[in-house]
Amino acid sequence: MSKVVIYTTSMCCYCHRAKDLLRQKGVQFDEIDASARDVRAAMIQKAGGRTSVPQIWIGGDHVGGCDDLYALDRAGRLDPMLGRQNA
């Protein structure tokens, strides 16, 4: 499976939804707490200026936030990005 990295904060409902979808798919992910100012600044720079959480990368490709993740799933493009076969 592709490596998944997700920047989150603990009180973000969209972060919880994104992680729930990934867990439902059996995906392990690296979660980075973006609560600290320096971590958030690094996330914003890495995400091309996007300031909201979550911000998600799959296999090194930035896919965006929670709505983007669910849109990929609805379009049938998430499983191939995750490297899931016959999902």
C-alpha atoms as a PDB file:
ATOM      1  CA  MET A   1       0.000   0.000   0.000  1.00  0.00           C
ATOM      2  CA  SER A   2       1.009   3.585  -0.582  1.00  0.00           C
ATOM      3  CA  LYS A   3       2.236   5.617   2.363  1.00  0.00           C
ATOM      4  CA  VAL A   4      -0.446   7.953   3.725  1.00  0.00           C
ATOM      5  CA  VAL A   5       0.326  11.059   5.779  1.00  0.00           C
ATOM      6  CA  ILE A   6      -2.423  13.158   7.335  1.00  0.00           C
ATOM      7  CA  TYR A   7      -2.025  16.435   9.219  1.00  0.00           C
ATOM      8  CA  THR A   8      -4.776  16.817  11.813  1.00  0.00           C
ATOM      9  CA  THR A   9      -5.896  18.540  14.981  1.00  0.00           C
ATOM     10  CA  SER A  10      -7.709  16.757  17.785  1.00  0.00           C
ATOM     11  CA  MET A  11     -10.927  18.807  17.693  1.00  0.00           C
ATOM     12  CA  CYS A  12     -11.420  18.728  13.912  1.00  0.00           C
ATOM     13  CA  CYS A  13     -14.498  16.739  12.845  1.00  0.00           C
ATOM     14  CA  TYR A  14     -13.247  16.608   9.244  1.00  0.00           C
ATOM     15  CA  CYS A  15      -9.996  15.088  10.478  1.00  0.00           C
ATOM     16  CA  HIS A  16     -11.955  12.391  12.285  1.00  0.00           C
ATOM     17  CA  ARG A  17     -14.067  11.684   9.178  1.00  0.00           C
ATOM     18  CA  ALA A  18     -10.998  11.377   6.950  1.00  0.00           C
ATOM     19  CA  LYS A  19      -9.281   9.025   9.404  1.00  0.00           C
ATOM     20  CA  ASP A  20     -12.489   6.974   9.697  1.00  0.00           C
ATOM     21  CA  LEU A  21     -12.597   6.458   5.919  1.00  0.00           C
ATOM     22  CA  LEU A  22      -8.949   5.411   5.844  1.00  0.00           C
ATOM     23  CA  ARG A  23      -9.488   3.009   8.740  1.00  0.00           C
ATOM     24  CA  GLN A  24     -12.566   1.514   7.031  1.00  0.00           C
ATOM     25  CA  LYS A  25     -10.310   0.746   4.089  1.00  0.00           C
ATOM     26  CA  GLY A  26      -7.728  -0.862   6.384  1.00  0.00           C
ATOM     27  CA  VAL A  27      -5.159   1.827   5.646  1.00  0.00           C
ATOM     28  CA  GLN A  28      -2.420   2.621   8.112  1.00  0.00           C
ATOM     29  CA  PHE A  29      -1.369   6.255   8.118  1.00  0.00           C
ATOM     30  CA  ASP A  30       1.129   8.580   9.716  1.00  0.00           C
ATOM     31  CA  GLU A  31      -0.773  11.243  11.642  1.00  0.00           C
ATOM     32  CA  ILE A  32       0.924  14.553  12.328  1.00  0.00           C
ATOM     33  CA  ASP A  33      -0.584  16.898  14.908  1.00  0.00           C
ATOM     34  CA  ALA A  34      -0.781  20.332  13.277  1.00  0.00           C
ATOM     35  CA  SER A  35      -1.702  22.133  16.502  1.00  0.00           C
ATOM     36  CA  ALA A  36       1.770  23.556  17.020  1.00  0.00           C
ATOM     37  CA  ARG A  37       2.475  26.757  15.100  1.00  0.00           C
ATOM     38  CA  ASP A  38       5.714  25.497  13.512  1.00  0.00           C
ATOM     39  CA  VAL A  39       4.146  22.204  12.398  1.00  0.00           C
ATOM     40  CA  ARG A  40       1.133  24.059  10.966  1.00  0.00           C
ATOM     41  CA  ALA A  41       3.457  26.437   9.097  1.00  0.00           C
ATOM     42  CA  ALA A  42       5.340  23.484   7.593  1.00  0.00           C
ATOM     43  CA  MET A  43       2.036  21.862   6.576  1.00  0.00           C
ATOM     44  CA  ILE A  44       0.829  25.078   4.915  1.00  0.00           C
ATOM     45  CA  GLN A  45       4.040  25.385   2.944  1.00  0.00           C
ATOM     46  CA  LYS A  46       3.978  21.716   1.931  1.00  0.00           C
ATOM     47  CA  ALA A  47       0.269  21.991   0.955  1.00  0.00           C
ATOM     48  CA  GLY A  48       0.842  24.969  -1.333  1.00  0.00           C
ATOM     49  CA  GLY A  49      -0.776  27.484   0.998  1.00  0.00           C
ATOM     50  CA  ARG A  50      -3.800  25.477   2.121  1.00  0.00           C
ATOM     51  CA  THR A  51      -4.383  26.277   5.780  1.00  0.00           C
ATOM     52  CA  SER A  52      -7.220  23.932   6.743  1.00  0.00           C
ATOM     53  CA  VAL A  53      -6.936  20.500   8.285  1.00  0.00           C
ATOM     54  CA  PRO A  54      -6.853  17.741   7.483  1.00  0.00           C
ATOM     55  CA  GLN A  55      -4.290  17.836   4.712  1.00  0.00           C
ATOM     56  CA  ILE A  56      -3.603  14.414   3.219  1.00  0.00           C
ATOM     57  CA  TRP A  57      -0.811  12.934   1.121  1.00  0.00           C
ATOM     58  CA  ILE A  58      -0.954   9.509  -0.512  1.00  0.00           C
ATOM     59  CA  GLY A  59       2.256   8.112  -1.908  1.00  0.00           C
ATOM     60  CA  GLY A  60       3.798  11.574  -1.726  1.00  0.00           C
ATOM     61  CA  ASP A  61       0.970  13.187  -3.733  1.00  0.00           C
ATOM     62  CA  HIS A  62      -1.078  15.881  -2.021  1.00  0.00           C
ATOM     63  CA  VAL A  63      -4.757  14.967  -2.352  1.00  0.00           C
ATOM     64  CA  GLY A  64      -6.179  17.796  -0.246  1.00  0.00           C
ATOM     65  CA  GLY A  65      -8.605  17.573   2.637  1.00  0.00           C
ATOM     66  CA  CYS A  66     -11.487  15.444   3.835  1.00  0.00           C
ATOM     67  CA  ASP A  67     -13.926  16.437   1.069  1.00  0.00           C
ATOM     68  CA  ASP A  68     -11.243  15.724  -1.537  1.00  0.00           C
ATOM     69  CA  LEU A  69     -10.580  12.295  -0.016  1.00  0.00           C
ATOM     70  CA  TYR A  70     -14.278  11.379  -0.099  1.00  0.00           C
ATOM     71  CA  ALA A  71     -14.584  12.693  -3.673  1.00  0.00           C
ATOM     72  CA  LEU A  72     -11.717  10.433  -4.740  1.00  0.00           C
ATOM     73  CA  ASP A  73     -13.483   7.506  -3.096  1.00  0.00           C
ATOM     74  CA  ARG A  74     -16.818   8.275  -4.805  1.00  0.00           C
ATOM     75  CA  ALA A  75     -15.036   8.535  -8.158  1.00  0.00           C
ATOM     76  CA  GLY A  76     -13.399   5.134  -7.635  1.00  0.00           C
ATOM     77  CA  ARG A  77      -9.916   6.662  -7.653  1.00  0.00           C
ATOM     78  CA  LEU A  78      -8.989   6.315  -3.976  1.00  0.00           C
ATOM     79  CA  ASP A  79      -8.427   2.561  -3.852  1.00  0.00           C
ATOM     80  CA  PRO A  80      -5.978   2.586  -6.795  1.00  0.00           C
ATOM     81  CA  MET A  81      -4.084   5.491  -5.202  1.00  0.00           C
ATOM     82  CA  LEU A  82      -3.856   3.508  -1.983  1.00  0.00           C
ATOM     83  CA  GLY A  83      -2.509   0.524  -3.905  1.00  0.00           C
ATOM     84  CA  ARG A  84      -5.487  -1.627  -2.937  1.00  0.00           C
ATOM     85  CA  GLN A  85      -6.190  -4.491  -5.307  1.00  0.00           C
ATOM     86  CA  ASN A  86      -9.748  -5.652  -6.040  1.00  0.00           C
ATOM     87  CA  ALA A  87     -11.215  -3.318  -3.442  1.00  0.00           C
END
